[in-house]
C-alpha atoms as a PDB file:
ATOM      1  CA  MET A   1     -93.078  11.579  31.917  1.00  0.00           C
ATOM      2  CA  ARG A   2     -91.796  15.128  31.637  1.00  0.00           C
ATOM      3  CA  ALA A   3     -93.679  17.955  29.896  1.00  0.00           C
ATOM      4  CA  THR A   4     -91.704  20.882  28.527  1.00  0.00           C
ATOM      5  CA  ALA A   5     -94.354  23.559  28.956  1.00  0.00           C
ATOM      6  CA  ALA A   6     -97.285  21.961  30.721  1.00  0.00           C
ATOM      7  CA  VAL A   7    -100.140  24.092  31.987  1.00  0.00           C
ATOM      8  CA  LEU A   8    -103.074  21.693  31.867  1.00  0.00           C
ATOM      9  CA  LEU A   9    -103.263  17.996  32.632  1.00  0.00           C
ATOM     10  CA  VAL A  10    -104.769  16.355  29.565  1.00  0.00           C
ATOM     11  CA  LEU A  11    -106.205  12.850  29.231  1.00  0.00           C
ATOM     12  CA  CYS A  12    -105.596  11.425  25.749  1.00  0.00           C
ATOM     13  CA  LEU A  13    -107.439   8.335  24.560  1.00  0.00           C
ATOM     14  CA  LEU A  14    -106.502   6.405  21.437  1.00  0.00           C
ATOM     15  CA  THR A  15    -109.563   5.590  19.371  1.00  0.00           C
ATOM     16  CA  ILE A  16    -109.973   2.665  16.999  1.00  0.00           C
ATOM     17  CA  SER A  17    -109.097   4.958  14.093  1.00  0.00           C
ATOM     18  CA  HIS A  18    -105.686   5.593  15.724  1.00  0.00           C
ATOM     19  CA  ALA A  19    -106.520   9.262  16.331  1.00  0.00           C
ATOM     20  CA  TRP A  20    -105.988  10.950  19.657  1.00  0.00           C
ATOM     21  CA  ASP A  21    -108.977  12.294  21.608  1.00  0.00           C
ATOM     22  CA  CYS A  22    -107.587  14.628  24.284  1.00  0.00           C
ATOM     23  CA  GLN A  23    -109.664  16.167  27.051  1.00  0.00           C
ATOM     24  CA  ILE A  24    -108.721  18.461  29.936  1.00  0.00           C
ATOM     25  CA  VAL A  25    -109.003  16.543  33.195  1.00  0.00           C
ATOM     26  CA  VAL A  26    -107.646  18.895  35.843  1.00  0.00           C
ATOM     27  CA  ALA A  27    -106.404  22.472  35.504  1.00  0.00           C
ATOM     28  CA  ILE A  28    -102.976  22.775  37.091  1.00  0.00           C
ATOM     29  CA  LYS A  29    -100.302  25.392  36.562  1.00  0.00           C
ATOM     30  CA  ASN A  30     -96.574  24.788  36.174  1.00  0.00           C
ATOM     31  CA  LEU A  31     -96.779  20.992  35.971  1.00  0.00           C
ATOM     32  CA  MET A  32     -93.403  19.659  34.834  1.00  0.00           C
ATOM     33  CA  GLN A  33     -93.361  15.871  35.303  1.00  0.00           C
ATOM     34  CA  ILE A  34     -96.094  13.264  35.737  1.00  0.00           C
ATOM     35  CA  ASP A  35     -96.274   9.496  36.216  1.00  0.00           C
ATOM     36  CA  ALA A  36     -99.135   6.999  36.453  1.00  0.00           C
ATOM     37  CA  GLY A  37     -99.360   3.382  37.575  1.00  0.00           C
ATOM     38  CA  LEU A  38    -102.032   1.035  38.946  1.00  0.00           C
ATOM     39  CA  GLY A  39    -104.622   3.800  38.535  1.00  0.00           C
ATOM     40  CA  GLN A  40    -102.588   6.240  40.634  1.00  0.00           C
ATOM     41  CA  VAL A  41    -101.188   9.553  39.379  1.00  0.00           C
ATOM     42  CA  VAL A  42     -98.293  11.564  40.843  1.00  0.00           C
ATOM     43  CA  ALA A  43     -96.618  14.726  39.580  1.00  0.00           C
ATOM     44  CA  THR A  44     -94.124  17.485  40.326  1.00  0.00           C
ATOM     45  CA  ASP A  45     -94.312  21.167  39.398  1.00  0.00           C
ATOM     46  CA  THR A  46     -91.670  23.726  38.436  1.00  0.00           C
ATOM     47  CA  SER A  47     -90.958  24.451  42.096  1.00  0.00           C
ATOM     48  CA  GLN A  48     -90.301  20.693  42.578  1.00  0.00           C
ATOM     49  CA  THR A  49     -93.358  20.233  44.771  1.00  0.00           C
ATOM     50  CA  PRO A  50     -94.679  16.633  44.582  1.00  0.00           C
ATOM     51  CA  TYR A  51     -98.412  15.891  44.278  1.00  0.00           C
ATOM     52  CA  TYR A  52    -100.761  12.912  44.382  1.00  0.00           C
ATOM     53  CA  LEU A  53    -104.038  12.985  42.457  1.00  0.00           C
ATOM     54  CA  VAL A  54    -107.128  12.011  44.482  1.00  0.00           C
ATOM     55  CA  GLY A  55    -110.308  12.156  42.434  1.00  0.00           C
ATOM     56  CA  ASN A  56    -110.210  15.595  40.831  1.00  0.00           C
ATOM     57  CA  GLU A  57    -107.911  17.187  43.404  1.00  0.00           C
ATOM     58  CA  TRP A  58    -104.113  17.386  43.691  1.00  0.00           C
ATOM     59  CA  ILE A  59    -102.930  16.579  47.225  1.00  0.00           C
ATOM     60  CA  ARG A  60     -99.533  18.050  48.084  1.00  0.00           C
ATOM     61  CA  LEU A  61     -96.958  15.548  49.324  1.00  0.00           C
ATOM     62  CA  PRO A  62     -94.153  16.540  51.707  1.00  0.00           C
ATOM     63  CA  GLY A  63     -90.644  17.369  50.577  1.00  0.00           C
ATOM     64  CA  SER A  64     -89.170  18.546  47.293  1.00  0.00           C
ATOM     65  CA  LEU A  65     -88.665  16.300  44.243  1.00  0.00           C
ATOM     66  CA  ARG A  66     -87.665  16.841  40.622  1.00  0.00           C
ATOM     67  CA  HIS A  67     -88.794  13.342  39.555  1.00  0.00           C
ATOM     68  CA  ILE A  68     -91.516  11.085  40.983  1.00  0.00           C
ATOM     69  CA  THR A  69     -92.867   7.664  40.015  1.00  0.00           C
ATOM     70  CA  VAL A  70     -95.660   5.345  41.160  1.00  0.00           C
ATOM     71  CA  GLY A  71     -96.395   1.690  40.465  1.00  0.00           C
ATOM     72  CA  PRO A  72     -96.630  -1.790  42.021  1.00  0.00           C
ATOM     73  CA  ALA A  73     -93.431  -1.079  44.010  1.00  0.00           C
ATOM     74  CA  GLY A  74     -94.941   2.019  45.639  1.00  0.00           C
ATOM     75  CA  ILE A  75     -94.143   5.724  45.307  1.00  0.00           C
ATOM     76  CA  TRP A  76     -90.508   6.739  44.759  1.00  0.00           C
ATOM     77  CA  GLY A  77     -88.757   9.989  43.929  1.00  0.00           C
ATOM     78  CA  VAL A  78     -85.485  11.825  43.300  1.00  0.00           C
ATOM     79  CA  ASN A  79     -84.684  15.298  44.632  1.00  0.00           C
ATOM     80  CA  ASN A  80     -82.497  18.052  43.219  1.00  0.00           C
ATOM     81  CA  GLY A  81     -79.495  16.619  45.064  1.00  0.00           C
ATOM     82  CA  ASN A  82     -79.903  13.293  43.204  1.00  0.00           C
ATOM     83  CA  LEU A  83     -80.993  11.520  46.376  1.00  0.00           C
ATOM     84  CA  MET A  84     -83.454   8.645  45.922  1.00  0.00           C
ATOM     85  CA  PHE A  85     -86.432   8.258  48.271  1.00  0.00           C
ATOM     86  CA  LYS A  86     -89.341   5.924  48.946  1.00  0.00           C
ATOM     87  CA  TYR A  87     -92.640   7.224  50.326  1.00  0.00           C
ATOM     88  CA  VAL A  88     -93.191   5.320  53.574  1.00  0.00           C
ATOM     89  CA  ALA A  89     -96.026   6.029  56.034  1.00  0.00           C
ATOM     90  CA  GLY A  90     -96.441   9.628  54.931  1.00  0.00           C
ATOM     91  CA  ASN A  91     -92.753  10.545  54.737  1.00  0.00           C
ATOM     92  CA  TRP A  92     -89.872  10.257  52.279  1.00  0.00           C
ATOM     93  CA  VAL A  93     -87.138   7.822  53.368  1.00  0.00           C
ATOM     94  CA  GLN A  94     -83.757   8.018  51.630  1.00  0.00           C
ATOM     95  CA  PHE A  95     -82.571   4.890  49.811  1.00  0.00           C
ATOM     96  CA  ALA A  96     -79.578   5.885  47.667  1.00  0.00           C
ATOM     97  CA  THR A  97     -77.503   8.738  46.235  1.00  0.00           C
ATOM     98  CA  SER A  98     -76.386   9.822  42.727  1.00  0.00           C
ATOM     99  CA  VAL A  99     -79.654   8.784  41.067  1.00  0.00           C
ATOM    100  CA  LYS A 100     -80.748  10.519  37.861  1.00  0.00           C
ATOM    101  CA  GLN A 101     -84.093   8.845  37.149  1.00  0.00           C
ATOM    102  CA  LEU A 102     -86.161   5.893  38.355  1.00  0.00           C
ATOM    103  CA  ASP A 103     -89.361   3.999  37.527  1.00  0.00           C
ATOM    104  CA  ALA A 104     -91.690   1.910  39.714  1.00  0.00           C
ATOM    105  CA  GLY A 105     -93.853   0.501  36.921  1.00  0.00           C
ATOM    106  CA  GLY A 106     -92.351  -2.998  36.925  1.00  0.00           C
ATOM    107  CA  ASP A 107     -93.742  -6.088  38.638  1.00  0.00           C
ATOM    108  CA  GLU A 108     -93.020  -4.817  42.178  1.00  0.00           C
ATOM    109  CA  PHE A 109     -89.423  -3.925  41.308  1.00  0.00           C
ATOM    110  CA  VAL A 110     -87.803  -0.549  40.562  1.00  0.00           C
ATOM    111  CA  VAL A 111     -85.317   0.382  37.838  1.00  0.00           C
ATOM    112  CA  VAL A 112     -82.934   3.331  38.156  1.00  0.00           C
ATOM    113  CA  ALA A 113     -80.343   5.224  36.132  1.00  0.00           C
ATOM    114  CA  ASN A 114     -77.539   6.961  37.990  1.00  0.00           C
ATOM    115  CA  MET A 115     -75.607  10.112  37.119  1.00  0.00           C
ATOM    116  CA  ASP A 116     -73.047   8.056  35.155  1.00  0.00           C
ATOM    117  CA  TYR A 117     -75.804   6.401  33.043  1.00  0.00           C
ATOM    118  CA  VAL A 118     -75.352   3.088  34.869  1.00  0.00           C
ATOM    119  CA  PRO A 119     -78.711   1.259  35.160  1.00  0.00           C
ATOM    120  CA  GLY A 120     -79.733  -0.614  38.274  1.00  0.00           C
ATOM    121  CA  CYS A 121     -82.616  -2.678  39.616  1.00  0.00           C
ATOM    122  CA  LEU A 122     -84.228  -3.043  43.029  1.00  0.00           C
ATOM    123  CA  SER A 123     -85.720  -6.520  43.282  1.00  0.00           C
ATOM    124  CA  ARG A 124     -89.181  -7.136  44.676  1.00  0.00           C
ATOM    125  CA  SER A 125     -87.749  -7.913  48.116  1.00  0.00           C
ATOM    126  CA  ALA A 126     -85.579  -4.781  48.030  1.00  0.00           C
ATOM    127  CA  SER A 127     -88.275  -2.375  46.833  1.00  0.00           C
ATOM    128  CA  LEU A 128     -91.121  -3.664  49.000  1.00  0.00           C
ATOM    129  CA  GLY A 129     -88.889  -4.508  51.967  1.00  0.00           C
ATOM    130  CA  PHE A 130     -87.255  -1.091  52.227  1.00  0.00           C
ATOM    131  CA  MET A 131     -88.917   0.796  55.050  1.00  0.00           C
ATOM    132  CA  GLY A 132     -86.151   2.957  56.477  1.00  0.00           C
ATOM    133  CA  ALA A 133     -82.491   3.580  57.187  1.00  0.00           C
ATOM    134  CA  ASP A 134     -82.152   0.264  59.046  1.00  0.00           C
ATOM    135  CA  SER A 135     -83.079  -1.747  55.947  1.00  0.00           C
ATOM    136  CA  SER A 136     -80.001  -3.558  54.582  1.00  0.00           C
ATOM    137  CA  LEU A 137     -81.415  -4.209  51.105  1.00  0.00           C
ATOM    138  CA  ARG A 138     -79.481  -2.850  48.120  1.00  0.00           C
ATOM    139  CA  GLY A 139     -79.849  -2.662  44.357  1.00  0.00           C
ATOM    140  CA  ILE A 140     -78.359  -4.771  41.552  1.00  0.00           C
ATOM    141  CA  MET A 141     -76.360  -3.290  38.666  1.00  0.00           C
ATOM    142  CA  LEU A 142     -77.723  -3.920  35.164  1.00  0.00           C
ATOM    143  CA  PRO A 143     -75.661  -4.095  31.955  1.00  0.00           C
ATOM    144  CA  GLY A 144     -75.275  -1.242  29.496  1.00  0.00           C
ATOM    145  CA  ALA A 145     -75.688   2.513  29.874  1.00  0.00           C
ATOM    146  CA  VAL A 146     -79.058   4.321  29.915  1.00  0.00           C
ATOM    147  CA  LYS A 147     -80.320   7.812  30.675  1.00  0.00           C
ATOM    148  CA  TYR A 148     -84.030   6.959  31.055  1.00  0.00           C
ATOM    149  CA  SER A 149     -85.840   3.672  31.655  1.00  0.00           C
ATOM    150  CA  SER A 150     -89.402   2.515  32.251  1.00  0.00           C
ATOM    151  CA  CYS A 151     -91.019  -0.859  32.928  1.00  0.00           C
ATOM    152  CA  GLY A 152     -94.404  -2.419  32.253  1.00  0.00           C
ATOM    153  CA  HIS A 153     -96.068  -5.806  32.328  1.00  0.00           C
ATOM    154  CA  PHE A 154     -94.115  -7.167  29.347  1.00  0.00           C
ATOM    155  CA  GLY A 155     -90.634  -5.785  29.985  1.00  0.00           C
ATOM    156  CA  CYS A 156     -88.455  -2.731  30.544  1.00  0.00           C
ATOM    157  CA  TRP A 157     -87.613  -0.105  27.929  1.00  0.00           C
ATOM    158  CA  ALA A 158     -84.754   2.399  27.971  1.00  0.00           C
ATOM    159  CA  VAL A 159     -82.980   5.037  25.928  1.00  0.00           C
ATOM    160  CA  ASN A 160     -79.276   5.900  26.108  1.00  0.00           C
ATOM    161  CA  LYS A 161     -77.520   9.252  25.721  1.00  0.00           C
ATOM    162  CA  ASN A 162     -77.517   8.750  21.932  1.00  0.00           C
ATOM    163  CA  ASP A 163     -81.331   8.306  21.982  1.00  0.00           C
ATOM    164  CA  ASP A 164     -81.045   4.629  20.997  1.00  0.00           C
ATOM    165  CA  ILE A 165     -83.959   2.463  22.181  1.00  0.00           C
ATOM    166  CA  TYR A 166     -83.617  -0.841  24.048  1.00  0.00           C
ATOM    167  CA  LEU A 167     -85.877  -3.530  25.524  1.00  0.00           C
ATOM    168  CA  MET A 168     -85.076  -5.940  28.358  1.00  0.00           C
ATOM    169  CA  SER A 169     -86.852  -8.865  29.981  1.00  0.00           C
ATOM    170  CA  LEU A 170     -86.592  -8.387  33.755  1.00  0.00           C
ATOM    171  CA  ASN A 171     -88.189 -10.459  36.516  1.00  0.00           C
ATOM    172  CA  GLN A 172     -88.900  -9.697  40.183  1.00  0.00           C
ATOM    173  CA  ASP A 173     -85.377 -10.793  41.161  1.00  0.00           C
ATOM    174  CA  CYS A 174     -83.804  -8.501  38.531  1.00  0.00           C
ATOM    175  CA  GLN A 175     -82.642 -11.483  36.469  1.00  0.00           C
ATOM    176  CA  ASN A 176     -82.235 -10.550  32.799  1.00  0.00           C
ATOM    177  CA  ASN A 177     -80.720 -11.511  29.465  1.00  0.00           C
ATOM    178  CA  GLY A 178     -79.410  -8.059  28.574  1.00  0.00           C
ATOM    179  CA  TRP A 179     -80.804  -5.366  26.302  1.00  0.00           C
ATOM    180  CA  SER A 180     -82.209  -5.892  22.802  1.00  0.00           C
ATOM    181  CA  HIS A 181     -81.897  -2.948  20.411  1.00  0.00           C
ATOM    182  CA  ILE A 182     -85.119  -1.527  18.930  1.00  0.00           C
ATOM    183  CA  ASP A 183     -85.147   0.592  15.766  1.00  0.00           C
ATOM    184  CA  GLY A 184     -85.773   4.324  16.130  1.00  0.00           C
ATOM    185  CA  LYS A 185     -84.609   7.308  18.189  1.00  0.00           C
ATOM    186  CA  LEU A 186     -86.236   8.673  21.363  1.00  0.00           C
ATOM    187  CA  SER A 187     -85.019  10.976  24.118  1.00  0.00           C
ATOM    188  CA  MET A 188     -87.433   9.584  26.709  1.00  0.00           C
ATOM    189  CA  ILE A 189     -89.666   6.529  26.886  1.00  0.00           C
ATOM    190  CA  GLU A 190     -92.529   5.394  29.140  1.00  0.00           C
ATOM    191  CA  VAL A 191     -94.406   2.101  29.376  1.00  0.00           C
ATOM    192  CA  ALA A 192     -97.980   1.644  30.581  1.00  0.00           C
ATOM    193  CA  THR A 193     -99.190  -1.231  32.746  1.00  0.00           C
ATOM    194  CA  ASP A 194    -100.755  -2.898  29.691  1.00  0.00           C
ATOM    195  CA  GLY A 195     -97.449  -2.771  27.802  1.00  0.00           C
ATOM    196  CA  SER A 196     -98.225   0.276  25.629  1.00  0.00           C
ATOM    197  CA  VAL A 197     -95.076   2.252  24.821  1.00  0.00           C
ATOM    198  CA  PHE A 198     -94.874   6.050  24.596  1.00  0.00           C
ATOM    199  CA  GLY A 199     -91.899   8.276  23.867  1.00  0.00           C
ATOM    200  CA  VAL A 200     -90.620  11.763  23.121  1.00  0.00           C
ATOM    201  CA  ASN A 201     -87.916  12.535  20.559  1.00  0.00           C
ATOM    202  CA  SER A 202     -85.270  15.266  20.632  1.00  0.00           C
ATOM    203  CA  ALA A 203     -87.652  17.677  18.863  1.00  0.00           C
ATOM    204  CA  GLY A 204     -90.274  17.288  21.598  1.00  0.00           C
ATOM    205  CA  GLN A 205     -92.662  15.244  19.446  1.00  0.00           C
ATOM    206  CA  VAL A 206     -94.729  12.635  21.313  1.00  0.00           C
ATOM    207  CA  TYR A 207     -95.034   9.118  19.878  1.00  0.00           C
ATOM    208  CA  THR A 208     -96.890   5.932  20.711  1.00  0.00           C
ATOM    209  CA  SER A 209     -96.089   2.490  19.369  1.00  0.00           C
ATOM    210  CA  LEU A 210     -99.052   0.784  17.711  1.00  0.00           C
ATOM    211  CA  GLY A 211     -96.820  -1.873  16.180  1.00  0.00           C
ATOM    212  CA  LEU A 212     -95.675  -3.510  19.405  1.00  0.00           C
ATOM    213  CA  SER A 213     -98.028  -5.739  21.350  1.00  0.00           C
ATOM    214  CA  ALA A 214     -97.996  -8.807  23.559  1.00  0.00           C
ATOM    215  CA  CYS A 215     -97.879 -11.917  21.396  1.00  0.00           C
ATOM    216  CA  SER A 216     -97.496 -15.668  21.534  1.00  0.00           C
ATOM    217  CA  GLY A 217     -96.545 -18.403  19.112  1.00  0.00           C
ATOM    218  CA  TYR A 218     -93.260 -16.788  18.003  1.00  0.00           C
ATOM    219  CA  GLN A 219     -89.822 -18.239  18.557  1.00  0.00           C
ATOM    220  CA  GLU A 220     -87.574 -16.035  20.708  1.00  0.00           C
ATOM    221  CA  SER A 221     -84.791 -16.565  18.181  1.00  0.00           C
ATOM    222  CA  ASP A 222     -86.886 -14.875  15.483  1.00  0.00           C
ATOM    223  CA  ALA A 223     -85.410 -11.457  16.278  1.00  0.00           C
ATOM    224  CA  ASP A 224     -86.956  -9.771  13.241  1.00  0.00           C
ATOM    225  CA  ARG A 225     -90.484 -10.556  14.370  1.00  0.00           C
ATOM    226  CA  CYS A 226     -90.375 -10.838  18.122  1.00  0.00           C
ATOM    227  CA  ARG A 227     -88.644  -9.107  21.018  1.00  0.00           C
ATOM    228  CA  THR A 228     -88.537 -11.007  24.309  1.00  0.00           C
ATOM    229  CA  GLY A 229     -90.540  -9.546  27.187  1.00  0.00           C
ATOM    230  CA  ALA A 230     -91.049 -10.509  30.820  1.00  0.00           C
ATOM    231  CA  ASN A 231     -94.237 -12.482  30.166  1.00  0.00           C
ATOM    232  CA  GLY A 232     -94.004 -13.345  26.497  1.00  0.00           C
ATOM    233  CA  CYS A 233     -92.820 -11.139  23.704  1.00  0.00           C
ATOM    234  CA  TYR A 234     -93.469  -8.039  21.660  1.00  0.00           C
ATOM    235  CA  GLU A 235     -94.610  -8.644  18.105  1.00  0.00           C
ATOM    236  CA  HIS A 236     -92.502  -6.455  15.838  1.00  0.00           C
ATOM    237  CA  LYS A 237     -94.979  -5.365  13.164  1.00  0.00           C
ATOM    238  CA  SER A 238     -94.283  -3.118  10.220  1.00  0.00           C
ATOM    239  CA  ASN A 239     -96.230  -0.161  11.622  1.00  0.00           C
ATOM    240  CA  PRO A 240     -93.900   2.717  12.572  1.00  0.00           C
ATOM    241  CA  LEU A 241     -94.180   4.779  15.709  1.00  0.00           C
ATOM    242  CA  LEU A 242     -97.054   7.189  15.176  1.00  0.00           C
ATOM    243  CA  PRO A 243     -97.043  10.745  16.570  1.00  0.00           C
ATOM    244  CA  GLY A 244     -99.786  11.684  19.002  1.00  0.00           C
ATOM    245  CA  ARG A 245    -101.531  14.980  18.438  1.00  0.00           C
END
């Protein structure tokens, strides 16, 4: 997730009353982008220096990255030249070129968006099996056009260049049934491991979805009430996206 003017890392917890309780966790200057997965936290600053959070201390990682992500598939990043890397044995190993953004939050697979808004997927075997230049594994093209995507336990979410929101069921082999349109407009979207969805609109306002949750007992054809996810579905309740504060 990218912050427009971040100075302090803040932990925000959603209470039962649906109010945000935010507390300063670690003081850090010039933080620009942050990602969390499986209890791990990574970030980059305005000088494109990547970091890994250990306890209450930021450990500097090698190299220079403008975007970094961590999850079941490992730690991945993109540099200013749009080159895609995986963190392997203490070093960054190049995987691909012309990558705009990527996310490692899926079930041991990675989703990417290239410079032409074409989405792609690295299957479990491709993401976990890639260990260097000699690896022959490659990604799979996904349908549609997206500028930012993120995956969680119940599916992958994305926004396109018009800020339209979409949801896709995606398994470890990158098999899918295409994108389902979700009401609303967001410029960026992120999904937590538990399926919680967070987003930022074009005005820089932060939102979380309280109306989407894992559910069972709904027919997949009931599009008005249920959106298909990787391990079930999302119940489409009447609650709108609520702004965090």
